[in-house]
Structure formats: C-alpha cells, structure tokens
Amino acid sequence: LSTATSSLSMFKFNIVAWNVNVIRSQTKRVKIMDYVSKLKADILLLQETHLLQSEEKSLSDSNYSIIFSSCYNSRQRGVSILVHKRIPFTLNIQMKERSLQRPDLHWSYEVWTFSS
C-alpha cells in the first residue's frame, strides 16, 4: 500500500496504490473499500486484483467509479483504476496496439494518462 498526494493546478489528489493480492471474495472487497474510504483516497490504483470480467463491477460502490479494469486470464492478474465520485472528470479510453487500452482522465485543463 502506498499513498501520495499530488497537487496539480487547483486540484489536490490523494492517490492510493495497493497490491491487493486477489480480491475475488466479497468480504475482502468490502474491507478494502472501507479502508480506502478512511484514507480519503481520490484515485485508487489496484494491482493483482485477479477479478474475472463478470466481477469487475463489484468494485464500484456509492463512493467510487471504475474507470479502468483489466482482467485477462489466470496468468495476467489484472489492475483497476477507481476515481472518487466527488472528483469531476471525463474519461477517454483509447485502444493502443491490438488489445491494450490507455485511459486518459481529463479535469480542468489537464490530462493524466494511465498505462498498464
């Protein structure tokens, strides 16, 4: 688990990156999301989620929107990017190469690009 604060222009973000080492159980997902809420994370970067495509939406709750989630197969374990719903943004997902996606977050006059 690592946290960082980024203050670009007029926005200040609390960013949390966490290798969650499998969050397929509902109990573990709830515990993680409760803890993240206590950290007041604006942007959440989860690694090693091991989620199946049918389970991706289970990370969404009343506070966070999933903007990107990758789940491939049992050897490629998956990442998810969530943004707190209080953060105003627009999302642009571009296809890069064959199946790689590159999400761009836009707020104010800035663009953040996430690559996986």
N, C-alpha and C. Protein backbone atom coordinates (compact mmCIF):
# COMPACT_ATOMS: atom_id res chain seq x y z
N LEU A 1 0.86 -1.17 0.00
CA LEU A 1 0.00 0.00 0.00
C LEU A 1 0.90 1.22 0.00
N SER A 2 0.66 2.12 -0.93
CA SER A 2 1.39 3.39 -0.92
C SER A 2 0.41 4.50 -1.22
N THR A 3 0.67 5.64 -0.62
CA THR A 3 -0.18 6.79 -0.85
C THR A 3 0.68 7.97 -1.25
N ALA A 4 0.10 8.85 -2.01
CA ALA A 4 0.80 10.06 -2.45
C ALA A 4 -0.23 11.15 -2.62
N THR A 5 0.20 12.36 -2.41
CA THR A 5 -0.66 13.49 -2.67
C THR A 5 -0.09 14.26 -3.83
N SER A 6 -0.91 14.56 -4.79
CA SER A 6 -0.49 15.31 -5.96
C SER A 6 -1.32 16.57 -6.03
N SER A 7 -0.66 17.71 -6.11
CA SER A 7 -1.43 18.94 -6.26
C SER A 7 -1.02 19.61 -7.56
N LEU A 8 -1.82 19.39 -8.54
CA LEU A 8 -1.61 19.99 -9.85
C LEU A 8 -2.64 21.10 -10.01
N SER A 9 -2.21 22.22 -10.49
CA SER A 9 -3.05 23.40 -10.66
C SER A 9 -3.91 23.61 -9.44
N MET A 10 -5.22 23.62 -9.59
CA MET A 10 -6.08 23.95 -8.46
C MET A 10 -6.65 22.71 -7.76
N PHE A 11 -6.29 21.52 -8.21
CA PHE A 11 -6.79 20.30 -7.58
C PHE A 11 -5.69 19.64 -6.76
N LYS A 12 -6.08 19.05 -5.66
CA LYS A 12 -5.16 18.28 -4.83
C LYS A 12 -5.75 16.88 -4.71
N PHE A 13 -4.98 15.86 -5.06
CA PHE A 13 -5.47 14.50 -5.07
C PHE A 13 -4.72 13.64 -4.08
N ASN A 14 -5.44 12.77 -3.42
CA ASN A 14 -4.85 11.74 -2.59
C ASN A 14 -4.92 10.45 -3.41
N ILE A 15 -3.75 9.94 -3.80
CA ILE A 15 -3.67 8.76 -4.68
C ILE A 15 -3.19 7.58 -3.85
N VAL A 16 -3.91 6.47 -3.93
CA VAL A 16 -3.54 5.25 -3.21
C VAL A 16 -3.27 4.15 -4.22
N ALA A 17 -2.09 3.53 -4.13
CA ALA A 17 -1.74 2.38 -4.96
C ALA A 17 -1.58 1.18 -4.03
N TRP A 18 -2.19 0.06 -4.41
CA TRP A 18 -2.23 -1.08 -3.50
C TRP A 18 -2.21 -2.38 -4.29
N ASN A 19 -1.25 -3.26 -3.96
CA ASN A 19 -1.25 -4.62 -4.48
C ASN A 19 -2.16 -5.41 -3.55
N VAL A 20 -3.37 -5.67 -3.99
CA VAL A 20 -4.39 -6.27 -3.13
C VAL A 20 -4.31 -7.79 -3.08
N ASN A 21 -3.49 -8.40 -3.94
CA ASN A 21 -3.26 -9.84 -3.92
C ASN A 21 -4.57 -10.64 -3.85
N VAL A 22 -5.39 -10.47 -4.83
CA VAL A 22 -6.66 -11.19 -5.05
C VAL A 22 -7.79 -10.58 -4.21
N ILE A 23 -8.79 -10.07 -4.90
CA ILE A 23 -9.96 -9.52 -4.20
C ILE A 23 -11.25 -10.12 -4.74
N ARG A 24 -11.22 -11.41 -4.94
CA ARG A 24 -12.40 -12.06 -5.51
C ARG A 24 -13.49 -12.29 -4.47
N SER A 25 -13.15 -12.32 -3.20
CA SER A 25 -14.19 -12.52 -2.19
C SER A 25 -14.85 -11.19 -1.85
N GLN A 26 -16.14 -11.22 -1.70
CA GLN A 26 -16.91 -10.01 -1.38
C GLN A 26 -16.46 -9.43 -0.04
N THR A 27 -16.15 -10.29 0.91
CA THR A 27 -15.71 -9.83 2.23
C THR A 27 -14.43 -9.02 2.13
N LYS A 28 -13.47 -9.51 1.36
CA LYS A 28 -12.20 -8.78 1.20
C LYS A 28 -12.42 -7.47 0.46
N ARG A 29 -13.26 -7.47 -0.57
CA ARG A 29 -13.54 -6.23 -1.30
C ARG A 29 -14.13 -5.17 -0.38
N VAL A 30 -15.07 -5.57 0.45
CA VAL A 30 -15.70 -4.62 1.38
C VAL A 30 -14.67 -4.06 2.35
N LYS A 31 -13.80 -4.92 2.90
CA LYS A 31 -12.77 -4.46 3.84
C LYS A 31 -11.82 -3.48 3.17
N ILE A 32 -11.42 -3.79 1.94
CA ILE A 32 -10.51 -2.90 1.22
C ILE A 32 -11.17 -1.56 0.95
N MET A 33 -12.40 -1.57 0.48
CA MET A 33 -13.08 -0.31 0.16
C MET A 33 -13.35 0.50 1.43
N ASP A 34 -13.65 -0.15 2.54
CA ASP A 34 -13.82 0.57 3.81
C ASP A 34 -12.52 1.25 4.23
N TYR A 35 -11.41 0.52 4.10
CA TYR A 35 -10.12 1.08 4.48
C TYR A 35 -9.73 2.25 3.57
N VAL A 36 -9.97 2.09 2.28
CA VAL A 36 -9.66 3.15 1.32
C VAL A 36 -10.49 4.40 1.62
N SER A 37 -11.73 4.22 2.02
CA SER A 37 -12.57 5.36 2.39
C SER A 37 -11.98 6.11 3.58
N LYS A 38 -11.44 5.38 4.54
CA LYS A 38 -10.80 6.01 5.70
C LYS A 38 -9.56 6.80 5.30
N LEU A 39 -8.88 6.33 4.25
CA LEU A 39 -7.70 7.05 3.75
C LEU A 39 -8.07 8.28 2.93
N LYS A 40 -9.35 8.41 2.63
CA LYS A 40 -9.86 9.51 1.81
C LYS A 40 -9.17 9.56 0.44
N ALA A 41 -9.07 8.39 -0.18
CA ALA A 41 -8.43 8.30 -1.50
C ALA A 41 -9.31 8.92 -2.57
N ASP A 42 -8.71 9.75 -3.40
CA ASP A 42 -9.41 10.32 -4.55
C ASP A 42 -9.26 9.41 -5.77
N ILE A 43 -8.06 8.89 -5.94
CA ILE A 43 -7.76 7.98 -7.04
C ILE A 43 -7.17 6.72 -6.44
N LEU A 44 -7.69 5.58 -6.85
CA LEU A 44 -7.28 4.29 -6.30
C LEU A 44 -6.74 3.43 -7.43
N LEU A 45 -5.51 2.97 -7.27
CA LEU A 45 -4.86 2.11 -8.26
C LEU A 45 -4.66 0.74 -7.61
N LEU A 46 -5.37 -0.25 -8.09
CA LEU A 46 -5.29 -1.60 -7.52
C LEU A 46 -4.55 -2.52 -8.48
N GLN A 47 -3.61 -3.29 -7.93
CA GLN A 47 -2.89 -4.27 -8.74
C GLN A 47 -3.19 -5.67 -8.20
N GLU A 48 -2.98 -6.66 -9.06
CA GLU A 48 -3.18 -8.07 -8.72
C GLU A 48 -4.60 -8.34 -8.20
N THR A 49 -5.58 -7.82 -8.92
CA THR A 49 -6.97 -7.98 -8.49
C THR A 49 -7.49 -9.40 -8.70
N HIS A 50 -7.02 -10.07 -9.74
CA HIS A 50 -7.44 -11.43 -10.09
C HIS A 50 -8.95 -11.52 -10.36
N LEU A 51 -9.57 -10.43 -10.71
CA LEU A 51 -11.01 -10.43 -10.97
C LEU A 51 -11.33 -11.00 -12.34
N LEU A 52 -12.42 -11.71 -12.42
CA LEU A 52 -12.95 -12.11 -13.71
C LEU A 52 -13.72 -10.94 -14.28
N GLN A 53 -13.94 -10.95 -15.57
CA GLN A 53 -14.67 -9.84 -16.19
C GLN A 53 -16.05 -9.65 -15.56
N SER A 54 -16.68 -10.75 -15.21
CA SER A 54 -18.02 -10.67 -14.60
C SER A 54 -17.98 -10.07 -13.19
N GLU A 55 -16.81 -9.99 -12.58
CA GLU A 55 -16.68 -9.48 -11.22
C GLU A 55 -16.20 -8.03 -11.15
N GLU A 56 -15.80 -7.47 -12.28
CA GLU A 56 -15.22 -6.12 -12.29
C GLU A 56 -16.11 -5.07 -11.64
N LYS A 57 -17.39 -5.11 -11.95
CA LYS A 57 -18.31 -4.09 -11.43
C LYS A 57 -18.50 -4.17 -9.93
N SER A 58 -18.08 -5.27 -9.33
CA SER A 58 -18.25 -5.42 -7.88
C SER A 58 -17.39 -4.44 -7.09
N LEU A 59 -16.41 -3.82 -7.73
CA LEU A 59 -15.58 -2.82 -7.05
C LEU A 59 -16.28 -1.48 -6.93
N SER A 60 -17.23 -1.23 -7.78
CA SER A 60 -17.97 0.03 -7.75
C SER A 60 -18.81 0.09 -6.49
N ASP A 61 -18.83 1.23 -5.86
CA ASP A 61 -19.74 1.42 -4.75
C ASP A 61 -20.29 2.84 -4.82
N SER A 62 -20.91 3.28 -3.76
CA SER A 62 -21.53 4.60 -3.81
C SER A 62 -20.51 5.73 -3.85
N ASN A 63 -19.25 5.43 -3.54
CA ASN A 63 -18.22 6.47 -3.50
C ASN A 63 -17.28 6.48 -4.70
N TYR A 64 -17.09 5.35 -5.36
CA TYR A 64 -16.08 5.25 -6.41
C TYR A 64 -16.67 4.75 -7.72
N SER A 65 -16.12 5.27 -8.80
CA SER A 65 -16.45 4.79 -10.14
C SER A 65 -15.23 4.08 -10.71
N ILE A 66 -15.46 2.95 -11.33
CA ILE A 66 -14.37 2.25 -12.00
C ILE A 66 -14.17 2.92 -13.35
N ILE A 67 -12.95 3.38 -13.59
CA ILE A 67 -12.70 3.98 -14.90
C ILE A 67 -11.91 3.04 -15.79
N PHE A 68 -11.26 2.06 -15.18
CA PHE A 68 -10.50 1.12 -15.99
C PHE A 68 -10.30 -0.15 -15.18
N SER A 69 -10.45 -1.27 -15.81
CA SER A 69 -10.16 -2.54 -15.17
C SER A 69 -9.74 -3.52 -16.25
N SER A 70 -8.65 -4.21 -15.99
CA SER A 70 -8.21 -5.21 -16.95
C SER A 70 -8.23 -6.57 -16.27
N CYS A 71 -8.77 -7.51 -16.96
CA CYS A 71 -8.74 -8.89 -16.48
C CYS A 71 -8.51 -9.74 -17.72
N TYR A 72 -7.47 -10.48 -17.70
CA TYR A 72 -7.12 -11.25 -18.89
C TYR A 72 -7.34 -12.73 -18.63
N ASN A 73 -6.40 -13.35 -18.00
CA ASN A 73 -6.54 -14.76 -17.67
C ASN A 73 -5.79 -15.01 -16.37
N SER A 74 -5.67 -16.26 -15.97
CA SER A 74 -5.08 -16.55 -14.67
C SER A 74 -3.60 -16.18 -14.58
N ARG A 75 -2.93 -16.00 -15.70
CA ARG A 75 -1.52 -15.62 -15.66
C ARG A 75 -1.33 -14.11 -15.65
N GLN A 76 -2.28 -13.39 -16.16
CA GLN A 76 -2.21 -11.94 -16.18
C GLN A 76 -3.27 -11.46 -15.21
N ARG A 77 -2.85 -10.98 -14.10
CA ARG A 77 -3.71 -10.88 -12.93
C ARG A 77 -4.61 -9.67 -12.81
N GLY A 78 -4.41 -8.63 -13.57
CA GLY A 78 -5.37 -7.54 -13.59
C GLY A 78 -5.08 -6.35 -12.70
N VAL A 79 -5.51 -5.19 -13.18
CA VAL A 79 -5.41 -3.93 -12.45
C VAL A 79 -6.75 -3.21 -12.56
N SER A 80 -7.01 -2.33 -11.61
CA SER A 80 -8.21 -1.50 -11.66
C SER A 80 -7.85 -0.09 -11.23
N ILE A 81 -8.47 0.88 -11.87
CA ILE A 81 -8.31 2.28 -11.51
C ILE A 81 -9.70 2.80 -11.15
N LEU A 82 -9.82 3.36 -9.96
CA LEU A 82 -11.09 3.90 -9.49
C LEU A 82 -10.90 5.37 -9.13
N VAL A 83 -11.92 6.17 -9.36
CA VAL A 83 -11.89 7.59 -9.04
C VAL A 83 -13.09 7.90 -8.15
N HIS A 84 -12.84 8.65 -7.09
CA HIS A 84 -13.93 9.03 -6.19
C HIS A 84 -14.94 9.87 -6.96
N LYS A 85 -16.20 9.66 -6.67
CA LYS A 85 -17.27 10.34 -7.42
C LYS A 85 -17.32 11.84 -7.16
N ARG A 86 -16.63 12.33 -6.13
CA ARG A 86 -16.61 13.79 -5.90
C ARG A 86 -15.64 14.50 -6.84
N ILE A 87 -14.81 13.74 -7.56
CA ILE A 87 -13.83 14.33 -8.48
C ILE A 87 -14.49 14.50 -9.84
N PRO A 88 -14.60 15.73 -10.34
CA PRO A 88 -15.19 15.94 -11.67
C PRO A 88 -14.16 15.61 -12.75
N PHE A 89 -14.50 14.69 -13.62
CA PHE A 89 -13.57 14.32 -14.69
C PHE A 89 -14.35 13.78 -15.87
N THR A 90 -13.68 13.73 -16.99
CA THR A 90 -14.19 13.00 -18.15
C THR A 90 -13.16 11.95 -18.50
N LEU A 91 -13.59 10.89 -19.10
CA LEU A 91 -12.73 9.76 -19.39
C LEU A 91 -12.70 9.50 -20.88
N ASN A 92 -11.50 9.26 -21.37
CA ASN A 92 -11.31 8.89 -22.77
C ASN A 92 -10.44 7.64 -22.78
N ILE A 93 -10.96 6.54 -23.31
CA ILE A 93 -10.18 5.30 -23.39
C ILE A 93 -9.83 5.06 -24.84
N GLN A 94 -8.54 4.93 -25.09
CA GLN A 94 -8.06 4.72 -26.44
C GLN A 94 -7.52 3.30 -26.57
N MET A 95 -7.78 2.71 -27.71
CA MET A 95 -7.20 1.40 -27.99
C MET A 95 -5.80 1.63 -28.54
N LYS A 96 -4.85 0.96 -27.94
CA LYS A 96 -3.47 1.06 -28.36
C LYS A 96 -3.01 -0.33 -28.74
N GLU A 97 -2.33 -0.45 -29.82
CA GLU A 97 -1.93 -1.74 -30.34
C GLU A 97 -3.18 -2.58 -30.53
N ARG A 98 -3.12 -3.86 -30.25
CA ARG A 98 -4.30 -4.69 -30.52
C ARG A 98 -5.33 -4.63 -29.40
N SER A 99 -4.92 -4.99 -28.20
CA SER A 99 -5.93 -5.07 -27.14
C SER A 99 -5.59 -4.21 -25.92
N LEU A 100 -4.50 -3.47 -25.99
CA LEU A 100 -4.14 -2.64 -24.84
C LEU A 100 -4.99 -1.39 -24.83
N GLN A 101 -5.46 -1.03 -23.66
CA GLN A 101 -6.25 0.18 -23.52
C GLN A 101 -5.45 1.19 -22.72
N ARG A 102 -5.64 2.45 -23.05
CA ARG A 102 -4.95 3.52 -22.34
C ARG A 102 -5.99 4.54 -21.88
N PRO A 103 -6.32 4.53 -20.59
CA PRO A 103 -7.30 5.51 -20.12
C PRO A 103 -6.67 6.87 -19.88
N ASP A 104 -7.32 7.92 -20.32
CA ASP A 104 -6.91 9.30 -20.06
C ASP A 104 -8.00 9.95 -19.21
N LEU A 105 -7.61 10.58 -18.11
CA LEU A 105 -8.54 11.34 -17.29
C LEU A 105 -8.35 12.81 -17.60
N HIS A 106 -9.44 13.51 -17.79
CA HIS A 106 -9.39 14.95 -18.10
C HIS A 106 -10.10 15.71 -16.99
N TRP A 107 -9.42 16.68 -16.39
CA TRP A 107 -10.07 17.63 -15.49
C TRP A 107 -9.37 18.96 -15.63
N SER A 108 -10.13 19.98 -15.39
CA SER A 108 -9.62 21.33 -15.58
C SER A 108 -8.98 21.41 -16.96
N TYR A 109 -7.71 21.78 -17.02
CA TYR A 109 -7.01 21.86 -18.30
C TYR A 109 -5.92 20.81 -18.38
N GLU A 110 -6.06 19.75 -17.63
CA GLU A 110 -5.01 18.75 -17.55
C GLU A 110 -5.51 17.39 -18.01
N VAL A 111 -4.56 16.58 -18.46
CA VAL A 111 -4.86 15.20 -18.85
C VAL A 111 -3.85 14.31 -18.16
N TRP A 112 -4.33 13.28 -17.49
CA TRP A 112 -3.46 12.26 -16.92
C TRP A 112 -3.66 10.99 -17.73
N THR A 113 -2.58 10.38 -18.13
CA THR A 113 -2.65 9.14 -18.89
C THR A 113 -2.13 8.00 -18.02
N PHE A 114 -2.91 6.92 -17.94
CA PHE A 114 -2.52 5.74 -17.20
C PHE A 114 -2.21 4.65 -18.21
N SER A 115 -1.08 3.99 -18.04
CA SER A 115 -0.72 2.89 -18.92
C SER A 115 -0.55 1.64 -18.09
N SER A 116 -1.04 0.54 -18.62
CA SER A 116 -0.86 -0.72 -17.90
C SER A 116 -0.07 -1.66 -18.77
